[in-house]
Amino acid sequence: MAWIRSGYCCRCGECCIGDPFGEDDKAEANPRISQLMRRSAPVAGYCPLYELRELGFEHNGFCAGHTGAVPAGAEDPYYLAGCNVWPDHPDQIIDKPHCTFKFDWRDD
């Protein structure tokens, strides 16, 4: 029994609000945190991986950790370690009205 997610990431940026790490996590001695995650957030109040793009897109921000947002092989390890599979429960997007993911409950 589990929630099964379907749909796609529309890159609305609503899940990027807030920094997932504290200052202690960003210490140079922590090898799991990339240089992108150690930087100051380009957009105040958002994850350090959140970037602004040129006008003309439906949403004006995107995650720099996404596959396809950076050259192949340069994806951010934080994104590849979990951000790319989040959300995994419908409660996690209840306050994110632009999110395009859908969830179905499966009993099998």
Protein backbone atom coordinates (compact mmCIF):
# COMPACT_ATOMS: atom_id res chain seq x y z
CA MET A 1 0.00 0.00 0.00
CA ALA A 2 1.46 3.29 -1.06
CA TRP A 3 0.93 6.56 -2.81
CA ILE A 4 1.98 6.44 -6.47
CA ARG A 5 2.99 9.75 -8.01
CA SER A 6 2.31 10.63 -11.61
CA GLY A 7 2.70 13.73 -13.70
CA TYR A 8 5.74 15.92 -14.17
CA CYS A 9 7.62 18.75 -12.51
CA CYS A 10 6.34 22.00 -14.01
CA ARG A 11 9.19 23.88 -12.27
CA CYS A 12 6.82 26.23 -10.49
CA GLY A 13 9.41 26.66 -7.74
CA GLU A 14 6.93 26.38 -4.87
CA CYS A 15 8.84 23.44 -3.38
CA CYS A 16 12.06 25.49 -3.56
CA ILE A 17 10.92 28.01 -0.94
CA GLY A 18 13.21 27.76 2.07
CA ASP A 19 16.78 26.56 2.42
CA PRO A 20 16.96 22.81 3.11
CA PHE A 21 20.28 23.22 4.95
CA GLY A 22 21.45 25.21 7.92
CA GLU A 23 24.80 26.97 8.05
CA ASP A 24 26.43 23.99 9.83
CA ASP A 25 25.41 21.72 6.96
CA LYS A 26 27.16 24.01 4.51
CA ALA A 27 30.55 23.72 6.17
CA GLU A 28 33.40 23.07 3.75
CA ALA A 29 34.13 19.83 5.61
CA ASN A 30 30.80 18.35 4.54
CA PRO A 31 31.52 16.55 1.23
CA ARG A 32 27.89 15.75 0.45
CA ILE A 33 27.05 19.41 -0.03
CA SER A 34 27.97 20.75 -3.45
CA GLN A 35 29.40 24.17 -4.18
CA LEU A 36 25.98 25.25 -5.48
CA MET A 37 24.36 24.36 -2.17
CA ARG A 38 27.06 26.20 -0.21
CA ARG A 39 26.46 29.49 -2.00
CA SER A 40 24.11 32.19 -0.85
CA ALA A 41 20.69 31.74 -2.38
CA PRO A 42 20.36 33.76 -5.62
CA VAL A 43 16.74 34.44 -4.62
CA ALA A 44 16.28 35.36 -0.97
CA GLY A 45 14.21 32.81 0.95
CA TYR A 46 14.67 30.02 -1.60
CA CYS A 47 16.91 26.97 -1.89
CA PRO A 48 20.45 27.81 -3.11
CA LEU A 49 19.75 25.67 -6.20
CA TYR A 50 16.86 27.92 -7.25
CA GLU A 51 17.75 30.25 -10.13
CA LEU A 52 15.82 32.91 -12.00
CA ARG A 53 15.49 32.59 -15.76
CA GLU A 54 14.76 35.12 -18.43
CA LEU A 55 11.19 36.40 -18.71
CA GLY A 56 8.86 34.68 -21.14
CA PHE A 57 8.49 31.35 -19.35
CA GLU A 58 5.36 30.24 -17.50
CA HIS A 59 7.38 30.23 -14.27
CA ASN A 60 10.40 32.48 -13.96
CA GLY A 61 12.50 30.20 -11.75
CA PHE A 62 14.04 26.77 -12.01
CA CYS A 63 16.18 24.31 -10.06
CA ALA A 64 19.82 24.38 -11.13
CA GLY A 65 20.19 20.83 -9.79
CA HIS A 66 17.79 19.33 -12.33
CA THR A 67 19.04 16.97 -14.97
CA GLY A 68 18.92 19.05 -18.13
CA ALA A 69 19.36 22.37 -16.31
CA VAL A 70 23.11 21.89 -16.18
CA PRO A 71 25.58 20.02 -18.44
CA ALA A 72 25.31 16.22 -18.31
CA GLY A 73 27.15 14.80 -15.30
CA ALA A 74 27.07 18.11 -13.41
CA GLU A 75 23.72 17.54 -11.67
CA ASP A 76 23.71 18.56 -8.05
CA PRO A 77 24.12 15.61 -5.63
CA TYR A 78 21.45 17.03 -3.31
CA TYR A 79 18.93 16.97 -6.13
CA LEU A 80 19.97 13.49 -7.21
CA ALA A 81 19.83 12.22 -3.61
CA GLY A 82 16.23 13.11 -2.95
CA CYS A 83 14.91 16.38 -4.29
CA ASN A 84 14.16 14.68 -7.61
CA VAL A 85 11.83 12.14 -5.95
CA TRP A 86 10.06 14.66 -3.73
CA PRO A 87 7.12 14.95 -3.18
CA ASP A 88 6.19 11.37 -2.39
CA HIS A 89 2.94 12.06 -0.53
CA PRO A 90 0.00 14.32 -1.49
CA ASP A 91 0.14 16.14 1.86
CA GLN A 92 3.51 17.58 0.82
CA ILE A 93 1.95 19.63 -1.99
CA ILE A 94 -1.32 20.64 -0.38
CA ASP A 95 0.01 24.18 0.02
CA LYS A 96 1.55 24.29 -3.49
CA PRO A 97 -1.33 25.11 -5.86
CA HIS A 98 0.79 25.22 -9.03
CA CYS A 99 2.34 21.76 -8.54
CA THR A 100 1.32 19.42 -11.37
CA PHE A 101 2.03 16.12 -9.63
CA LYS A 102 -0.95 13.83 -8.97
CA PHE A 103 -1.20 10.94 -6.51
CA ASP A 104 -3.17 7.69 -6.55
CA TRP A 105 -3.46 5.26 -3.65
CA ARG A 106 -2.52 1.68 -4.55
CA ASP A 107 -3.41 -1.23 -2.28
CA ASP A 108 -1.17 -3.77 -4.01
